[in-house]
């Protein structure tokens, strides 16, 4: 089994270089990409063609206002290289996504993709495809750098990898603190006593120095957020968590909404096709029925559901046609009946993260005290 962390040692090695895209060639970039990638099994994907006909400018892309005052695009491209794709493929995906209209890109130091994303962004910026102020770039502090003295050096390394002067959003990747050098998934003996307060003080310094326009957390439960809020000088702007129709995070969403923390959904489709993901979202009969009713794909229905609940979504795909399909969720709506029916879908016994950690012997909470309990 390939682990995300296995890419760390070669994170900054680019496998092949992408040519600069001149202004005269930018118009043809998307059309060429679609010709090459939007035909699956010899049949054109109708949802891709529909998305192409409805592509809108980045100025019209919906966004959410964070408590920091920053606007966060509602749709982002997740950059966890779970299938160990070559960097050249990841770079091409980012350039294509920018042409489609994406401005929000989400990575993390543990993913091993910061350098590839930085290379792609550098090419896009130098070619005039996009300006820095129009981009929204997120990365995350890994769990072996929770000591306050380690937070700024970790962010500075991330900025070097991304070839940027600041991040739009910097997140604590997990409340779990690990020994130096521990990777994903961590071993039981690598888990240290939690120090959320110490890690957050370092994050606040990053914010105050302008190295991050907003700061937040990821994979935090209600109890973790309550502990953080009890001492935070700067409240977290975002909690990025697993959220999809078969893991709905009802209690956590209610808490976050009440304290002004935006919820962002990683693996909003259940991460199908990855070594840790599930197919439960696509195969769910409720999702399939609503998909047919609206003439949309199950992917689009699942993403639209999260969006209508007020969550930003971060689907990960390096496939050109899927990048377009995932983007096309803002010009149609699910009905109240649709939302109720999806809300009544029975949840999985375990989240993706819980199941994966349990399989690898990492101490983690089980459903007996999960924060996904219904309010």
Protein backbone atom coordinates (compact mmCIF):
# COMPACT_ATOMS: atom_id res chain seq x y z
CA UNK A 1 0.00 0.00 0.00
CA UNK A 2 1.36 3.40 -0.97
CA UNK A 3 1.30 6.03 1.77
CA UNK A 4 1.07 9.77 1.20
CA UNK A 5 4.19 10.24 3.29
CA UNK A 6 6.30 8.11 0.92
CA UNK A 7 6.35 11.09 -1.43
CA UNK A 8 7.99 13.36 1.16
CA UNK A 9 11.55 12.48 0.26
CA UNK A 10 10.99 13.35 -3.38
CA UNK A 11 8.43 16.12 -2.90
CA UNK A 12 10.61 18.74 -4.57
CA UNK A 13 11.74 16.56 -7.49
CA UNK A 14 9.69 17.47 -10.54
CA UNK A 15 9.22 14.62 -12.98
CA UNK A 16 9.34 16.49 -16.23
CA UNK A 17 8.65 20.17 -16.81
CA UNK A 18 5.58 21.85 -18.21
CA UNK A 19 6.05 24.44 -20.95
CA UNK A 20 5.09 28.03 -20.29
CA UNK A 21 1.62 28.83 -21.61
CA UNK A 22 1.55 32.01 -23.63
CA UNK A 23 -1.47 34.28 -23.68
CA UNK A 24 -2.14 33.31 -27.30
CA UNK A 25 -2.27 29.62 -26.39
CA UNK A 26 -4.36 29.89 -23.25
CA UNK A 27 -7.70 29.91 -25.08
CA UNK A 28 -6.99 26.55 -26.69
CA UNK A 29 -5.69 24.93 -23.50
CA UNK A 30 -9.11 23.88 -22.16
CA UNK A 31 -10.53 22.79 -25.51
CA UNK A 32 -7.48 20.62 -26.23
CA UNK A 33 -7.65 19.14 -22.75
CA UNK A 34 -11.33 18.28 -23.15
CA UNK A 35 -10.74 16.63 -26.50
CA UNK A 36 -8.10 14.45 -24.89
CA UNK A 37 -9.74 13.72 -21.56
CA UNK A 38 -13.50 14.09 -21.64
CA UNK A 39 -14.20 10.87 -23.52
CA UNK A 40 -14.39 7.93 -21.15
CA UNK A 41 -14.68 4.49 -22.62
CA UNK A 42 -15.16 6.03 -26.05
CA UNK A 43 -18.32 7.84 -24.97
CA UNK A 44 -18.40 11.55 -24.28
CA UNK A 45 -19.38 12.31 -20.68
CA UNK A 46 -22.56 14.45 -20.98
CA UNK A 47 -21.94 16.06 -17.57
CA UNK A 48 -18.54 17.27 -18.80
CA UNK A 49 -20.10 18.84 -21.89
CA UNK A 50 -22.78 20.47 -19.76
CA UNK A 51 -20.09 21.83 -17.47
CA UNK A 52 -18.17 23.24 -20.41
CA UNK A 53 -21.22 25.06 -21.70
CA UNK A 54 -21.81 26.61 -18.27
CA UNK A 55 -18.27 27.55 -17.25
CA UNK A 56 -18.21 30.96 -15.65
CA UNK A 57 -15.52 33.49 -14.83
CA UNK A 58 -13.71 33.39 -11.50
CA UNK A 59 -15.40 36.66 -10.56
CA UNK A 60 -18.71 34.79 -10.46
CA UNK A 61 -17.37 31.83 -8.48
CA UNK A 62 -19.30 31.59 -5.19
CA UNK A 63 -17.33 32.17 -2.01
CA UNK A 64 -17.73 32.18 1.76
CA UNK A 65 -16.71 35.06 4.02
CA UNK A 66 -14.46 33.86 6.86
CA UNK A 67 -14.33 35.39 10.32
CA UNK A 68 -10.89 36.75 9.41
CA UNK A 69 -12.49 38.91 6.71
CA UNK A 70 -11.04 36.77 3.92
CA UNK A 71 -13.28 35.40 1.15
CA UNK A 72 -12.78 31.69 0.48
CA UNK A 73 -13.88 30.22 -2.88
CA UNK A 74 -16.56 27.59 -2.35
CA UNK A 75 -14.96 25.05 -4.69
CA UNK A 76 -11.32 24.06 -4.45
CA UNK A 77 -9.03 21.43 -5.90
CA UNK A 78 -7.78 19.00 -3.28
CA UNK A 79 -4.10 18.20 -3.74
CA UNK A 80 -3.56 15.03 -1.70
CA UNK A 81 -1.57 12.81 -4.06
CA UNK A 82 -3.05 9.60 -2.69
CA UNK A 83 -2.54 7.70 -5.96
CA UNK A 84 1.14 8.69 -6.17
CA UNK A 85 0.70 10.46 -9.51
CA UNK A 86 3.82 11.96 -11.11
CA UNK A 87 4.35 15.64 -10.49
CA UNK A 88 3.97 16.41 -14.18
CA UNK A 89 0.39 15.12 -14.05
CA UNK A 90 -0.37 17.19 -10.96
CA UNK A 91 1.07 20.33 -12.56
CA UNK A 92 -0.99 19.82 -15.70
CA UNK A 93 -4.12 19.38 -13.56
CA UNK A 94 -3.55 22.69 -11.76
CA UNK A 95 -3.01 24.60 -15.01
CA UNK A 96 -6.15 23.05 -16.45
CA UNK A 97 -8.12 23.83 -13.27
CA UNK A 98 -7.06 27.48 -13.41
CA UNK A 99 -8.28 27.68 -17.01
CA UNK A 100 -11.60 26.15 -15.95
CA UNK A 101 -12.00 28.76 -13.20
CA UNK A 102 -10.62 27.23 -10.00
CA UNK A 103 -8.83 29.66 -7.72
CA UNK A 104 -8.75 27.60 -4.52
CA UNK A 105 -6.05 24.93 -4.09
CA UNK A 106 -5.58 22.83 -0.95
CA UNK A 107 -2.37 21.00 -0.05
CA UNK A 108 -0.37 20.02 3.07
CA UNK A 109 3.25 19.39 3.96
CA UNK A 110 2.54 15.70 4.61
CA UNK A 111 0.98 15.26 1.15
CA UNK A 112 4.34 15.78 -0.55
CA UNK A 113 2.69 17.95 -3.21
CA UNK A 114 3.61 21.48 -2.16
CA UNK A 115 6.52 21.76 -4.59
CA UNK A 116 4.48 20.51 -7.53
CA UNK A 117 1.69 22.95 -6.71
CA UNK A 118 4.25 25.74 -6.31
CA UNK A 119 5.73 24.97 -9.71
CA UNK A 120 2.29 25.02 -11.33
CA UNK A 121 1.31 28.29 -9.65
CA UNK A 122 4.60 29.87 -10.68
CA UNK A 123 3.97 28.93 -14.31
CA UNK A 124 0.39 30.21 -14.18
CA UNK A 125 1.41 33.51 -12.59
CA UNK A 126 4.31 34.14 -14.96
CA UNK A 127 2.09 33.35 -17.96
CA UNK A 128 -0.56 35.81 -16.81
CA UNK A 129 -3.20 33.11 -16.42
CA UNK A 130 -4.14 34.43 -12.98
CA UNK A 131 -3.00 37.01 -10.43
CA UNK A 132 -1.84 36.14 -6.91
CA UNK A 133 -4.65 38.12 -5.28
CA UNK A 134 -7.22 36.00 -7.12
CA UNK A 135 -5.78 32.75 -5.76
CA UNK A 136 -6.66 31.11 -2.45
CA UNK A 137 -3.93 28.72 -1.31
CA UNK A 138 -4.25 26.48 1.75
CA UNK A 139 -1.66 24.27 3.39
CA UNK A 140 -1.35 22.52 6.74
CA UNK A 141 0.99 22.19 9.70
CA UNK A 142 1.94 18.54 10.19
CA UNK A 143 1.53 16.95 13.58
CA UNK A 144 5.25 16.63 14.35
CA UNK A 145 5.60 20.44 14.44
CA UNK A 146 3.11 21.39 17.17
CA UNK A 147 5.74 22.91 19.49
CA UNK A 148 5.31 26.70 19.24
CA UNK A 149 8.96 27.11 18.15
CA UNK A 150 8.41 24.75 15.21
CA UNK A 151 5.31 26.36 13.68
CA UNK A 152 6.87 29.34 11.89
CA UNK A 153 9.82 27.33 10.47
CA UNK A 154 7.31 24.77 9.17
CA UNK A 155 5.27 27.49 7.49
CA UNK A 156 8.38 29.10 6.04
CA UNK A 157 9.35 25.78 4.47
CA UNK A 158 5.84 25.46 3.05
CA UNK A 159 6.09 28.95 1.54
CA UNK A 160 9.45 28.05 0.00
CA UNK A 161 7.95 24.90 -1.50
CA UNK A 162 4.97 26.83 -2.88
CA UNK A 163 7.11 29.77 -4.09
CA UNK A 164 4.80 32.18 -2.27
CA UNK A 165 5.18 35.00 0.25
CA UNK A 166 2.05 34.13 2.23
CA UNK A 167 -0.76 31.60 2.50
CA UNK A 168 -4.42 32.50 2.34
CA UNK A 169 -5.18 29.81 4.92
CA UNK A 170 -2.92 27.76 7.21
CA UNK A 171 -4.42 24.87 9.16
CA UNK A 172 -3.32 22.60 11.99
CA UNK A 173 -3.64 19.28 10.18
CA UNK A 174 -4.82 17.33 13.22
CA UNK A 175 -5.18 17.77 16.99
CA UNK A 176 -2.90 14.74 17.34
CA UNK A 177 0.69 15.63 18.30
CA UNK A 178 3.43 13.32 17.05
CA UNK A 179 7.14 12.75 17.60
CA UNK A 180 9.51 14.50 15.21
CA UNK A 181 9.74 12.65 11.93
CA UNK A 182 6.51 10.71 12.39
CA UNK A 183 4.63 10.22 9.13
CA UNK A 184 1.20 9.07 8.02
CA UNK A 185 -0.27 6.90 9.39
CA UNK A 186 1.55 7.30 12.72
CA UNK A 187 2.46 4.38 14.94
CA UNK A 188 1.02 4.16 18.44
CA UNK A 189 4.40 4.88 20.07
CA UNK A 190 4.76 8.08 18.01
CA UNK A 191 1.65 9.72 19.49
CA UNK A 192 2.39 12.35 22.17
CA UNK A 193 0.08 14.14 24.61
CA UNK A 194 -1.93 16.76 22.77
CA UNK A 195 -0.77 20.39 22.92
CA UNK A 196 -3.45 22.30 21.04
CA UNK A 197 -2.77 25.49 22.99
CA UNK A 198 0.94 25.49 22.14
CA UNK A 199 0.37 24.75 18.46
CA UNK A 200 -2.30 27.45 18.22
CA UNK A 201 -0.06 30.09 19.78
CA UNK A 202 2.40 29.44 16.96
CA UNK A 203 -0.39 29.70 14.41
CA UNK A 204 -1.48 33.05 15.88
CA UNK A 205 2.07 34.34 15.42
CA UNK A 206 1.94 33.29 11.75
CA UNK A 207 -1.29 35.26 11.37
CA UNK A 208 0.01 38.31 13.18
CA UNK A 209 3.14 38.41 11.01
CA UNK A 210 1.08 38.26 7.82
CA UNK A 211 2.45 34.87 6.76
CA UNK A 212 -1.11 33.53 6.69
CA UNK A 213 -4.18 35.65 5.93
CA UNK A 214 -6.35 33.24 7.93
CA UNK A 215 -5.64 30.34 10.28
CA UNK A 216 -7.71 27.33 11.20
CA UNK A 217 -7.75 23.63 11.98
CA UNK A 218 -8.49 20.29 10.37
CA UNK A 219 -10.01 17.08 11.76
CA UNK A 220 -10.97 18.78 15.04
CA UNK A 221 -13.90 17.44 17.04
CA UNK A 222 -16.25 19.61 19.10
CA UNK A 223 -14.23 18.99 22.28
CA UNK A 224 -11.00 20.00 20.48
CA UNK A 225 -12.57 23.22 19.23
CA UNK A 226 -13.96 24.04 22.66
CA UNK A 227 -10.50 23.55 24.18
CA UNK A 228 -8.93 25.82 21.55
CA UNK A 229 -11.56 28.55 21.83
CA UNK A 230 -11.08 28.70 25.60
CA UNK A 231 -7.65 30.27 25.19
CA UNK A 232 -7.41 31.52 21.57
CA UNK A 233 -6.62 35.19 20.93
CA UNK A 234 -7.46 34.65 17.24
CA UNK A 235 -10.38 32.25 16.67
CA UNK A 236 -9.99 29.58 13.98
CA UNK A 237 -11.55 30.63 10.68
CA UNK A 238 -12.01 27.12 9.27
CA UNK A 239 -12.36 23.51 10.39
CA UNK A 240 -11.59 21.23 7.45
CA UNK A 241 -13.09 17.79 8.05
CA UNK A 242 -14.31 14.69 6.29
CA UNK A 243 -17.86 15.44 5.17
CA UNK A 244 -20.06 13.73 2.60
CA UNK A 245 -23.60 12.28 2.43
CA UNK A 246 -22.66 9.11 4.34
CA UNK A 247 -20.66 11.02 7.00
CA UNK A 248 -22.57 14.24 7.53
CA UNK A 249 -20.94 15.79 10.62
CA UNK A 250 -24.28 17.08 11.91
CA UNK A 251 -23.24 17.86 15.49
CA UNK A 252 -19.91 19.35 14.42
CA UNK A 253 -21.54 21.56 11.77
CA UNK A 254 -24.05 22.85 14.29
CA UNK A 255 -21.29 23.75 16.74
CA UNK A 256 -19.13 25.45 14.09
CA UNK A 257 -22.05 27.45 12.77
CA UNK A 258 -22.78 28.65 16.29
CA UNK A 259 -19.26 29.99 16.88
CA UNK A 260 -18.56 31.37 13.40
CA UNK A 261 -16.14 28.69 12.17
CA UNK A 262 -16.52 27.78 8.49
CA UNK A 263 -16.67 24.05 7.70
CA UNK A 264 -14.71 22.88 4.69
CA UNK A 265 -15.16 19.34 3.35
CA UNK A 266 -12.21 17.14 2.49
CA UNK A 267 -13.06 13.96 0.58
CA UNK A 268 -16.56 15.34 -0.11
CA UNK A 269 -17.12 12.36 -2.43
CA UNK A 270 -15.72 9.72 -0.07
CA UNK A 271 -12.33 9.57 -1.86
CA UNK A 272 -13.33 6.80 -4.32
CA UNK A 273 -10.44 5.25 -6.20
CA UNK A 274 -7.89 5.87 -3.43
CA UNK A 275 -6.36 3.24 -1.16
CA UNK A 276 -8.30 4.62 1.81
CA UNK A 277 -11.55 5.74 0.16
CA UNK A 278 -15.08 4.39 -0.20
CA UNK A 279 -17.67 4.09 -2.97
CA UNK A 280 -20.69 4.47 -0.68
CA UNK A 281 -21.59 7.96 -1.93
CA UNK A 282 -21.81 7.07 -5.63
CA UNK A 283 -23.65 3.81 -5.03
CA UNK A 284 -26.20 5.20 -2.57
CA UNK A 285 -29.70 4.82 -4.07
CA UNK A 286 -30.85 8.22 -2.75
CA UNK A 287 -27.94 9.99 -4.46
CA UNK A 288 -28.48 8.02 -7.66
CA UNK A 289 -32.20 8.84 -7.73
CA UNK A 290 -31.61 12.57 -7.20
CA UNK A 291 -28.88 12.47 -9.83
CA UNK A 292 -31.31 11.11 -12.41
CA UNK A 293 -33.99 13.61 -11.41
CA UNK A 294 -31.72 16.61 -12.05
CA UNK A 295 -29.75 15.10 -14.95
CA UNK A 296 -26.59 15.60 -12.92
CA UNK A 297 -23.89 13.14 -11.93
CA UNK A 298 -23.81 11.62 -8.42
CA UNK A 299 -20.59 13.60 -7.96
CA UNK A 300 -22.36 16.87 -8.63
CA UNK A 301 -25.27 15.99 -6.34
CA UNK A 302 -22.92 15.18 -3.44
CA UNK A 303 -20.90 18.37 -3.92
CA UNK A 304 -24.01 20.52 -4.30
CA UNK A 305 -25.43 19.06 -1.07
CA UNK A 306 -22.36 20.19 0.90
CA UNK A 307 -22.39 23.59 -0.79
CA UNK A 308 -26.06 24.19 0.06
CA UNK A 309 -25.29 23.36 3.69
CA UNK A 310 -22.74 26.19 3.68
CA UNK A 311 -19.57 24.12 3.39
CA UNK A 312 -16.80 24.65 0.87
CA UNK A 313 -15.78 21.51 -1.00
CA UNK A 314 -12.35 20.18 -1.95
CA UNK A 315 -12.74 17.30 -4.41
CA UNK A 316 -9.44 15.81 -5.51
CA UNK A 317 -8.97 14.77 -9.12
CA UNK A 318 -6.17 15.09 -11.64
CA UNK A 319 -8.47 13.88 -14.44
CA UNK A 320 -9.33 16.81 -16.69
CA UNK A 321 -12.96 15.89 -17.35
CA UNK A 322 -13.69 15.37 -13.65
CA UNK A 323 -12.07 18.69 -12.75
CA UNK A 324 -14.61 20.36 -15.04
CA UNK A 325 -17.53 18.26 -13.80
CA UNK A 326 -16.77 18.99 -10.13
CA UNK A 327 -16.70 22.72 -10.83
CA UNK A 328 -20.23 22.83 -12.26
CA UNK A 329 -22.34 22.94 -9.07
CA UNK A 330 -23.18 26.61 -8.61
CA UNK A 331 -25.86 27.28 -11.24
CA UNK A 332 -28.54 24.78 -10.12
CA UNK A 333 -30.14 23.73 -6.81
CA UNK A 334 -31.28 20.74 -4.86
CA UNK A 335 -34.86 21.04 -3.64
CA UNK A 336 -35.76 21.06 0.07
CA UNK A 337 -37.07 17.53 -0.43
CA UNK A 338 -33.74 16.48 -1.95
CA UNK A 339 -31.85 17.97 0.98
CA UNK A 340 -34.10 16.22 3.49
CA UNK A 341 -33.74 12.87 1.73
CA UNK A 342 -29.95 13.15 1.65
CA UNK A 343 -29.96 14.27 5.28
CA UNK A 344 -31.76 11.05 6.20
CA UNK A 345 -29.14 8.78 4.61
CA UNK A 346 -27.81 6.28 7.14
CA UNK A 347 -24.23 7.04 8.09
CA UNK A 348 -21.32 4.63 7.94
CA UNK A 349 -20.21 2.84 11.14
CA UNK A 350 -16.82 4.56 10.90
CA UNK A 351 -15.44 7.60 9.14
CA UNK A 352 -12.77 7.09 6.48
CA UNK A 353 -10.14 8.42 8.89
CA UNK A 354 -11.27 6.24 11.79
CA UNK A 355 -11.32 3.11 9.63
CA UNK A 356 -7.88 3.82 8.19
CA UNK A 357 -6.29 4.56 11.57
CA UNK A 358 -7.82 1.49 13.18
CA UNK A 359 -6.51 -0.70 10.33
CA UNK A 360 -3.00 0.65 10.97
CA UNK A 361 -3.05 0.45 14.76
CA UNK A 362 -3.09 4.19 15.38
CA UNK A 363 -4.95 5.29 18.55
CA UNK A 364 -8.10 7.07 17.47
CA UNK A 365 -11.65 7.69 18.62
CA UNK A 366 -14.29 5.16 17.67
CA UNK A 367 -17.96 5.72 16.96
CA UNK A 368 -18.79 5.20 20.65
CA UNK A 369 -17.84 8.80 21.33
CA UNK A 370 -17.77 10.22 17.80
CA UNK A 371 -18.64 13.88 17.34
CA UNK A 372 -20.82 12.96 14.37
CA UNK A 373 -23.70 11.96 16.64
CA UNK A 374 -26.99 13.58 15.73
CA UNK A 375 -27.76 16.67 17.84
